[in-house]
Amino acid sequence: MTEGPLLILLVGSNPLPSYLSACAQRPSRVALVYTEETKDAKDRLRRELARALGEGVTFDEPFVSDATCATTVRRVLDSLVPSDGDRDVLLSYTGGTKVMAAHARLAFSSRGRPEHASYLDEGDIKREARLRFDDGNSKPLSDYSEPPPLTLATVLALHGITHKPREARTPAPTTGDAREILCKVLADLPLAAALYRERERLQEISNPNKATSEPFRADRYGLRLSLPELPTSEQLSQFQNADEKKSWFRQWYASIGGEWLEEWLGAQIRALDLAPAPEITVGVNARWERAKKEDPPMEIDLAVIRGHRSYFISCTTDASKDLCKSKLFEIAVRSRQLGGDLARAALVCLADDRTASALQRDVDDVWGASNTTKVFGISDVRAWSDCEGKQPNRHPLKAWLES
């Protein structure tokens, strides 16, 4: 019985490119070449590839004791590639350190075929991500018979991160509530800060039973929400225990204080005609698998997975340069940590045009790449909305999500 092709993967700190390469080529056997530093990444990559490629795939795990030593790397590659060349052996040298990738490619060239060696070209705004082969050919990921499957859960799992989707407790804030707040804020920007202070007040009370004496009243802020007043004793009586009450109360004051923006933005993205249809997750509360209980969670306001690419968005109702800049660089670092150059990141804020332009220049100067984190300010939010009676112009948002 003839064995299927073997794909050699060099495991690096970011396993995502190797994952996509393997899912595109769909080998029946995978050799995960790893070092002591990438042992955990190797284990996560194997786990996710087993899920994606099915039960028939088998794995080998060659260990490289010194990734900077050419002879050590060559010895491992020689053990995987037969000298007679009778067997199909593929090499993906996207992962690993640069030194390891260079040594592995040199070792493979003496026994393997150039059309079997590839790396993942992550592309840019003008060029789709593709596998480039050493014989000069290339193939976009979308052209493979089974394009690489990617979900937010997979992206996080490859980095040892778990997350629990946000669960709404009825009666929950609605998309209409988010739009109502947005329209009032666009007409009166200081309202955003006032609502954030209201969130802080309710959060400090903490116990929803105590908050019934000083509830949030929407009419005080000129708002017409699905719940005009909260919390009330009647509202709290529908929940069975204190934890459910607190969870419901928390979702409302968080929404009032700023999460309305990410909820509204998620609805705008869902309304776009994007292909393939994106996976949209509002509110990603994630933790490292090995984190201590007291360690703070990783929070991402909005995540969009479209095809093989991931988009991470930070939202803030603040307009000050200092706070917006902090959130801008935080999401820039986080997106590269999770998806490398395959990821896109953006900040959506209420900063004016001058501040938004200054923020964009700041991040451009630091990263200087074609996929630099995008800054969207108050003018963009106005253009995307229908609050002022105009036809929404969401083309810049769609163009970014197609980059």
Protein backbone atom coordinates (compact mmCIF):
# COMPACT_ATOMS: atom_id res chain seq x y z
CA MET A 1 0.00 0.00 0.00
CA THR A 2 1.41 3.37 -1.07
CA GLU A 3 1.68 5.94 1.67
CA GLY A 4 0.27 9.38 1.13
CA PRO A 5 2.38 12.53 1.01
CA LEU A 6 4.37 13.63 4.03
CA LEU A 7 4.37 17.33 4.90
CA ILE A 8 7.27 18.64 6.97
CA LEU A 9 6.35 21.66 9.08
CA LEU A 10 8.81 23.81 11.01
CA VAL A 11 7.04 24.81 14.21
CA GLY A 12 7.48 28.44 15.24
CA SER A 13 6.07 30.59 18.01
CA ASN A 14 3.06 31.43 15.81
CA PRO A 15 1.63 28.13 14.50
CA LEU A 16 -1.04 29.76 12.31
CA PRO A 17 0.93 29.87 8.99
CA SER A 18 1.87 26.19 9.39
CA TYR A 19 -1.75 25.34 10.19
CA LEU A 20 -2.98 27.08 7.03
CA SER A 21 -0.29 25.47 4.86
CA ALA A 22 -1.22 22.00 6.09
CA CYS A 23 -4.95 22.57 5.71
CA ALA A 24 -4.44 23.74 2.12
CA GLN A 25 -2.22 20.79 1.07
CA ARG A 26 -4.06 18.20 3.20
CA PRO A 27 -1.29 15.61 3.64
CA SER A 28 -1.93 12.16 5.10
CA ARG A 29 1.19 12.44 7.28
CA VAL A 30 2.69 15.42 9.07
CA ALA A 31 6.14 15.80 10.59
CA LEU A 32 6.22 18.58 13.19
CA VAL A 33 9.85 19.65 13.52
CA TYR A 34 10.18 21.45 16.83
CA THR A 35 12.64 22.71 19.42
CA GLU A 36 12.49 22.94 23.19
CA GLU A 37 11.18 26.50 22.86
CA THR A 38 8.30 25.46 20.56
CA LYS A 39 7.24 22.26 22.31
CA ASP A 40 3.95 23.73 23.56
CA ALA A 41 3.22 25.31 20.17
CA LYS A 42 3.85 21.92 18.56
CA ASP A 43 1.34 20.23 20.84
CA ARG A 44 -1.32 22.85 20.07
CA LEU A 45 -0.65 22.67 16.34
CA ARG A 46 -0.95 18.88 16.36
CA ARG A 47 -4.24 19.05 18.25
CA GLU A 48 -5.80 21.55 15.83
CA LEU A 49 -4.49 19.80 12.71
CA ALA A 50 -5.91 16.50 13.92
CA ARG A 51 -9.31 18.17 14.12
CA ALA A 52 -9.01 19.86 10.73
CA LEU A 53 -7.49 16.99 8.72
CA GLY A 54 -9.47 14.14 10.24
CA GLU A 55 -8.72 10.79 11.85
CA GLY A 56 -6.68 9.44 8.92
CA VAL A 57 -3.74 11.82 9.41
CA THR A 58 -0.68 10.57 11.30
CA PHE A 59 2.02 12.61 13.01
CA ASP A 60 5.73 12.41 13.61
CA GLU A 61 7.54 14.81 15.94
CA PRO A 62 11.24 15.17 15.10
CA PHE A 63 13.12 17.15 17.73
CA VAL A 64 15.87 19.64 16.87
CA SER A 65 18.20 20.16 19.80
CA ASP A 66 19.90 23.24 18.28
CA ALA A 67 17.98 25.18 15.65
CA THR A 68 21.01 27.41 14.95
CA CYS A 69 23.24 24.46 13.99
CA ALA A 70 23.16 23.58 10.29
CA THR A 71 24.33 19.99 10.75
CA THR A 72 21.73 19.33 13.45
CA VAL A 73 18.91 20.62 11.27
CA ARG A 74 20.24 18.72 8.23
CA ARG A 75 20.40 15.49 10.20
CA VAL A 76 16.70 15.79 11.07
CA LEU A 77 15.69 16.64 7.51
CA ASP A 78 17.75 13.80 6.06
CA SER A 79 15.89 11.36 8.29
CA LEU A 80 12.60 12.52 6.77
CA VAL A 81 13.50 12.83 3.09
CA PRO A 82 14.56 9.60 1.31
CA SER A 83 17.71 9.85 -0.79
CA ASP A 84 16.15 8.05 -3.75
CA GLY A 85 13.28 10.53 -4.01
CA ASP A 86 10.66 7.82 -4.56
CA ARG A 87 8.32 9.18 -1.95
CA ASP A 88 6.41 12.45 -2.08
CA VAL A 89 7.76 14.63 0.70
CA LEU A 90 6.64 18.24 1.03
CA LEU A 91 8.34 20.98 3.01
CA SER A 92 6.69 24.10 4.36
CA TYR A 93 9.40 26.36 5.73
CA THR A 94 7.22 29.30 6.79
CA GLY A 95 7.58 28.52 10.50
CA GLY A 96 10.57 28.16 12.78
CA THR A 97 13.36 30.68 13.19
CA LYS A 98 14.96 32.22 10.12
CA VAL A 99 18.12 30.23 10.74
CA MET A 100 16.19 26.99 11.07
CA ALA A 101 14.15 27.70 7.93
CA ALA A 102 17.30 28.46 5.93
CA HIS A 103 19.08 25.30 7.06
CA ALA A 104 15.99 23.17 6.46
CA ARG A 105 15.56 24.55 2.94
CA LEU A 106 19.21 23.88 2.10
CA ALA A 107 18.94 20.33 3.42
CA PHE A 108 15.74 19.71 1.47
CA SER A 109 17.22 21.00 -1.80
CA SER A 110 19.67 18.09 -2.00
CA ARG A 111 16.93 15.43 -1.86
CA GLY A 112 13.53 17.05 -2.34
CA ARG A 113 11.94 18.64 -5.37
CA PRO A 114 11.59 22.43 -5.75
CA GLU A 115 7.87 22.08 -6.57
CA HIS A 116 7.42 20.38 -3.18
CA ALA A 117 8.97 23.17 -1.10
CA SER A 118 6.77 26.13 -0.20
CA TYR A 119 6.24 29.03 2.13
CA LEU A 120 3.13 30.99 2.97
CA ASP A 121 3.10 34.43 1.40
CA GLU A 122 0.71 36.25 3.71
CA GLY A 123 -0.10 38.88 1.08
CA ASP A 124 -1.23 42.44 1.56
CA ILE A 125 -4.01 44.76 0.52
CA LYS A 126 -3.33 44.13 -3.19
CA ARG A 127 -2.25 40.49 -3.09
CA GLU A 128 -4.13 37.49 -1.72
CA ALA A 129 -2.37 35.10 0.65
CA ARG A 130 -0.91 32.12 -1.21
CA LEU A 131 1.54 29.27 -1.11
CA ARG A 132 4.67 30.02 -3.13
CA PHE A 133 6.66 27.07 -4.40
CA ASP A 134 10.36 27.01 -5.11
CA ASP A 135 9.81 26.20 -8.80
CA GLY A 136 8.33 29.68 -9.25
CA ASN A 137 4.65 28.73 -9.13
CA SER A 138 2.16 29.91 -6.54
CA LYS A 139 -1.43 29.17 -5.60
CA PRO A 140 -3.84 31.34 -3.57
CA LEU A 141 -5.26 29.66 -0.49
CA SER A 142 -8.78 30.21 -1.79
CA ASP A 143 -8.01 28.14 -4.92
CA TYR A 144 -7.48 24.91 -3.04
CA SER A 145 -10.29 22.36 -3.23
CA GLU A 146 -10.82 22.69 0.51
CA PRO A 147 -9.73 26.19 1.54
CA PRO A 148 -8.15 26.26 5.01
CA PRO A 149 -10.90 26.33 7.67
CA LEU A 150 -10.40 29.00 10.27
CA THR A 151 -12.48 30.05 13.24
CA LEU A 152 -11.84 32.34 16.17
CA ALA A 153 -11.69 29.29 18.43
CA THR A 154 -8.91 27.82 16.23
CA VAL A 155 -6.88 31.05 16.16
CA LEU A 156 -7.03 31.27 19.95
CA ALA A 157 -6.43 27.55 20.52
CA LEU A 158 -3.25 27.63 18.43
CA HIS A 159 -1.90 30.08 21.02
CA GLY A 160 -3.17 28.22 24.05
CA ILE A 161 -6.06 30.59 24.68
CA THR A 162 -9.62 29.71 25.62
CA HIS A 163 -12.61 31.99 25.51
CA LYS A 164 -16.21 31.96 26.57
CA PRO A 165 -18.67 33.67 24.21
CA ARG A 166 -20.65 36.50 25.71
CA GLU A 167 -24.07 35.21 26.80
CA ALA A 168 -26.91 37.70 26.84
CA ARG A 169 -29.36 37.52 29.74
CA THR A 170 -32.92 38.44 28.84
CA PRO A 171 -34.08 41.15 28.75
CA ALA A 172 -30.78 42.13 27.14
CA PRO A 173 -29.76 45.38 25.44
CA THR A 174 -30.84 45.33 21.81
CA THR A 175 -29.28 46.49 18.56
CA GLY A 176 -31.95 49.20 18.59
CA ASP A 177 -30.69 50.36 22.00
CA ALA A 178 -27.14 50.59 20.63
CA ARG A 179 -28.35 52.64 17.65
CA GLU A 180 -30.40 54.91 19.92
CA ILE A 181 -27.37 55.70 22.06
CA LEU A 182 -25.17 56.19 18.99
CA CYS A 183 -27.54 58.69 17.40
CA LYS A 184 -27.86 60.70 20.60
CA VAL A 185 -24.06 60.67 21.08
CA LEU A 186 -23.45 61.83 17.50
CA ALA A 187 -25.75 64.76 18.22
CA ASP A 188 -24.14 65.47 21.59
CA LEU A 189 -20.63 64.00 22.02
CA PRO A 190 -20.30 64.79 25.78
CA LEU A 191 -23.15 62.31 26.32
CA ALA A 192 -20.69 59.44 25.78
CA ALA A 193 -18.63 60.55 28.77
CA ALA A 194 -21.77 61.05 30.87
CA LEU A 195 -22.93 57.51 30.12
CA TYR A 196 -19.50 56.15 31.00
CA ARG A 197 -19.73 57.91 34.37
CA GLU A 198 -23.13 56.29 34.82
CA ARG A 199 -21.51 52.93 34.21
CA GLU A 200 -18.88 53.66 36.86
CA ARG A 201 -21.59 54.66 39.34
CA LEU A 202 -23.59 51.46 38.80
CA GLN A 203 -20.47 49.32 38.80
CA GLU A 204 -19.42 50.77 42.14
CA ILE A 205 -22.80 49.89 43.65
CA SER A 206 -22.24 46.36 42.32
CA ASN A 207 -25.22 44.81 44.12
CA PRO A 208 -28.24 45.25 41.82
CA ASN A 209 -30.66 45.02 44.77
CA LYS A 210 -29.07 48.14 46.28
CA ALA A 211 -29.11 49.90 42.90
CA THR A 212 -32.92 49.83 42.77
CA SER A 213 -33.00 52.88 45.03
CA GLU A 214 -30.93 54.87 42.49
CA PRO A 215 -31.64 53.22 39.13
CA PHE A 216 -30.48 54.30 35.73
CA ARG A 217 -33.19 56.34 34.03
CA ALA A 218 -32.85 56.59 30.25
CA ASP A 219 -35.05 59.71 29.98
CA ARG A 220 -32.53 61.72 32.02
CA TYR A 221 -30.22 61.43 29.03
CA GLY A 222 -32.89 61.88 26.37
CA LEU A 223 -32.77 58.18 25.51
CA ARG A 224 -35.58 55.80 24.59
CA LEU A 225 -34.28 52.35 25.42
CA SER A 226 -36.02 48.98 25.58
CA LEU A 227 -35.74 49.29 29.38
CA PRO A 228 -36.42 52.92 30.36
CA GLU A 229 -35.33 52.25 33.95
CA LEU A 230 -33.05 49.67 35.58
CA PRO A 231 -32.66 47.85 37.81
CA THR A 232 -36.11 47.54 39.34
CA SER A 233 -37.33 45.00 41.87
CA GLU A 234 -39.67 43.57 39.26
CA GLN A 235 -36.83 43.03 36.81
CA LEU A 236 -34.63 41.33 39.40
CA SER A 237 -37.40 39.03 40.59
CA GLN A 238 -37.21 36.96 37.39
CA PHE A 239 -33.71 35.68 38.23
CA GLN A 240 -33.17 32.66 40.44
CA ASN A 241 -30.01 33.69 42.27
CA ALA A 242 -27.65 36.55 43.02
CA ASP A 243 -25.13 35.58 40.32
CA GLU A 244 -27.77 35.75 37.59
CA LYS A 245 -28.89 39.14 38.86
CA LYS A 246 -25.35 40.49 38.84
CA SER A 247 -24.64 39.08 35.38
CA TRP A 248 -27.77 40.70 33.96
CA PHE A 249 -27.06 44.00 35.72
CA ARG A 250 -23.44 43.96 34.53
CA GLN A 251 -24.35 43.51 30.88
CA TRP A 252 -26.65 46.52 31.04
CA TYR A 253 -24.31 48.99 32.71
CA ALA A 254 -21.44 47.81 30.47
CA SER A 255 -23.59 48.38 27.40
CA ILE A 256 -24.72 51.81 28.57
CA GLY A 257 -21.15 52.79 29.41
CA GLY A 258 -19.57 51.98 26.05
CA GLU A 259 -20.20 48.44 24.82
CA TRP A 260 -23.07 49.84 22.76
CA LEU A 261 -20.45 50.94 20.23
CA GLU A 262 -19.06 47.44 19.59
CA GLU A 263 -22.59 45.99 19.49
CA TRP A 264 -23.63 48.58 16.93
CA LEU A 265 -20.45 48.08 14.90
CA GLY A 266 -20.99 44.32 14.86
CA ALA A 267 -24.44 44.91 13.38
CA GLN A 268 -22.95 47.16 10.65
CA ILE A 269 -20.44 44.47 9.69
CA ARG A 270 -23.18 41.83 9.56
CA ALA A 271 -25.05 44.08 7.12
CA LEU A 272 -22.11 44.18 4.69
CA ASP A 273 -22.04 41.92 1.65
CA LEU A 274 -18.83 40.03 2.46
CA ALA A 275 -17.73 36.77 0.86
CA PRO A 276 -16.98 34.38 2.36
CA ALA A 277 -19.49 35.14 5.09
CA PRO A 278 -17.52 36.22 8.18
CA GLU A 279 -17.69 34.86 11.70
CA ILE A 280 -18.38 37.88 13.92
CA THR A 281 -17.82 37.75 17.67
CA VAL A 282 -18.67 40.74 19.84
CA GLY A 283 -16.87 40.75 23.17
CA VAL A 284 -14.04 38.21 23.37
CA ASN A 285 -13.15 37.49 26.98
CA ALA A 286 -10.24 35.03 26.75
CA ARG A 287 -7.61 33.51 29.01
CA TRP A 288 -4.31 31.75 28.48
CA GLU A 289 -4.72 28.06 29.24
CA ARG A 290 -1.93 28.16 31.82
CA ALA A 291 -2.85 31.52 33.33
CA LYS A 292 -3.46 31.89 37.04
CA LYS A 293 -6.99 32.65 38.18
CA GLU A 294 -5.97 36.11 39.32
CA ASP A 295 -4.42 37.01 35.94
CA PRO A 296 -6.54 39.49 33.97
CA PRO A 297 -8.28 38.13 30.86
CA MET A 298 -7.40 39.06 27.32
CA GLU A 299 -10.21 41.27 26.07
CA ILE A 300 -10.97 42.00 22.43
CA ASP A 301 -14.03 44.12 21.68
CA LEU A 302 -14.78 42.69 18.25
CA ALA A 303 -13.28 39.80 16.27
CA VAL A 304 -14.07 38.98 12.65
CA ILE A 305 -12.83 35.82 10.92
CA ARG A 306 -13.18 35.88 7.15
CA GLY A 307 -11.66 33.05 5.14
CA HIS A 308 -8.08 32.62 6.34
CA ARG A 309 -7.76 36.12 7.75
CA SER A 310 -8.64 37.50 11.17
CA TYR A 311 -9.64 41.07 12.04
CA PHE A 312 -9.46 42.41 15.58
CA ILE A 313 -11.14 45.69 16.50
CA SER A 314 -10.84 47.79 19.63
CA CYS A 315 -13.74 50.17 20.32
CA THR A 316 -13.78 53.13 22.65
CA THR A 317 -16.26 55.95 23.18
CA ASP A 318 -13.39 58.15 24.32
CA ALA A 319 -12.04 60.93 22.13
CA SER A 320 -8.80 61.82 23.90
CA LYS A 321 -5.55 61.08 22.11
CA ASP A 322 -3.80 59.46 25.07
CA LEU A 323 -6.47 56.85 25.80
CA CYS A 324 -7.15 56.16 22.12
CA LYS A 325 -3.42 55.73 21.52
CA SER A 326 -3.17 53.24 24.36
CA LYS A 327 -5.99 51.14 22.92
CA LEU A 328 -4.57 51.49 19.41
CA PHE A 329 -1.20 50.03 20.28
CA GLU A 330 -2.75 47.38 22.51
CA ILE A 331 -4.88 45.99 19.66
CA ALA A 332 -1.97 46.29 17.22
CA VAL A 333 0.23 44.13 19.45
CA ARG A 334 -2.56 41.68 20.25
CA SER A 335 -3.51 41.12 16.60
CA ARG A 336 0.08 40.41 15.55
CA GLN A 337 0.49 38.12 18.51
CA LEU A 338 -2.49 36.04 17.40
CA GLY A 339 -2.33 36.18 13.63
CA GLY A 340 1.01 37.64 12.56
CA ASP A 341 0.90 39.41 9.21
CA LEU A 342 -2.28 37.49 8.36
CA ALA A 343 -4.19 39.51 10.96
CA ARG A 344 -5.65 42.96 10.58
CA ALA A 345 -6.34 45.36 13.44
CA ALA A 346 -8.34 48.56 13.83
CA LEU A 347 -9.37 51.12 16.40
CA VAL A 348 -12.87 52.62 16.23
CA CYS A 349 -13.17 55.70 18.43
CA LEU A 350 -14.90 59.06 18.71
CA ALA A 351 -11.77 61.15 18.11
CA ASP A 352 -12.02 64.06 15.70
CA ASP A 353 -10.31 64.05 12.32
CA ARG A 354 -7.17 65.80 13.54
CA THR A 355 -6.65 63.37 16.43
CA ALA A 356 -7.47 60.32 14.29
CA SER A 357 -4.94 61.41 11.66
CA ALA A 358 -2.27 61.92 14.32
CA LEU A 359 -2.96 58.46 15.75
CA GLN A 360 -2.69 56.92 12.29
CA ARG A 361 0.67 58.61 11.71
CA ASP A 362 1.94 57.38 15.08
CA VAL A 363 1.14 53.74 14.38
CA ASP A 364 2.38 54.00 10.78
CA ASP A 365 5.74 55.27 12.02
CA VAL A 366 6.12 52.33 14.41
CA TRP A 367 4.97 49.48 12.16
CA GLY A 368 5.59 50.83 8.67
CA ALA A 369 3.85 47.86 7.04
CA SER A 370 1.12 47.54 4.43
CA ASN A 371 -1.27 46.10 7.01
CA THR A 372 -0.73 48.80 9.63
CA THR A 373 -3.49 49.09 12.21
CA LYS A 374 -6.32 51.26 10.87
CA VAL A 375 -7.78 54.17 12.82
CA PHE A 376 -11.44 55.05 12.35
CA GLY A 377 -12.68 58.23 14.05
CA ILE A 378 -15.92 60.10 14.60
CA SER A 379 -16.25 61.08 10.93
CA ASP A 380 -16.12 57.42 9.91
CA VAL A 381 -18.72 56.45 12.53
CA ARG A 382 -21.01 59.22 11.28
CA ALA A 383 -20.61 58.04 7.70
CA TRP A 384 -21.45 54.43 8.59
CA SER A 385 -24.62 55.39 10.48
CA ASP A 386 -28.06 56.41 9.29
CA CYS A 387 -28.64 58.69 12.27
CA GLU A 388 -28.56 61.92 10.31
CA GLY A 389 -30.98 60.86 7.59
CA LYS A 390 -28.31 60.13 4.98
CA GLN A 391 -27.58 56.90 3.16
CA PRO A 392 -24.80 55.15 5.13
CA ASN A 393 -21.42 54.93 3.42
CA ARG A 394 -19.73 51.82 4.79
CA HIS A 395 -17.38 51.34 1.83
CA PRO A 396 -14.18 52.20 3.81
CA LEU A 397 -15.16 49.63 6.47
CA LYS A 398 -15.89 47.00 3.84
CA ALA A 399 -12.64 47.77 2.00
CA TRP A 400 -10.67 47.23 5.21
CA LEU A 401 -12.47 43.94 5.91
CA GLU A 402 -11.59 42.80 2.39
CA SER A 403 -7.91 43.71 2.71
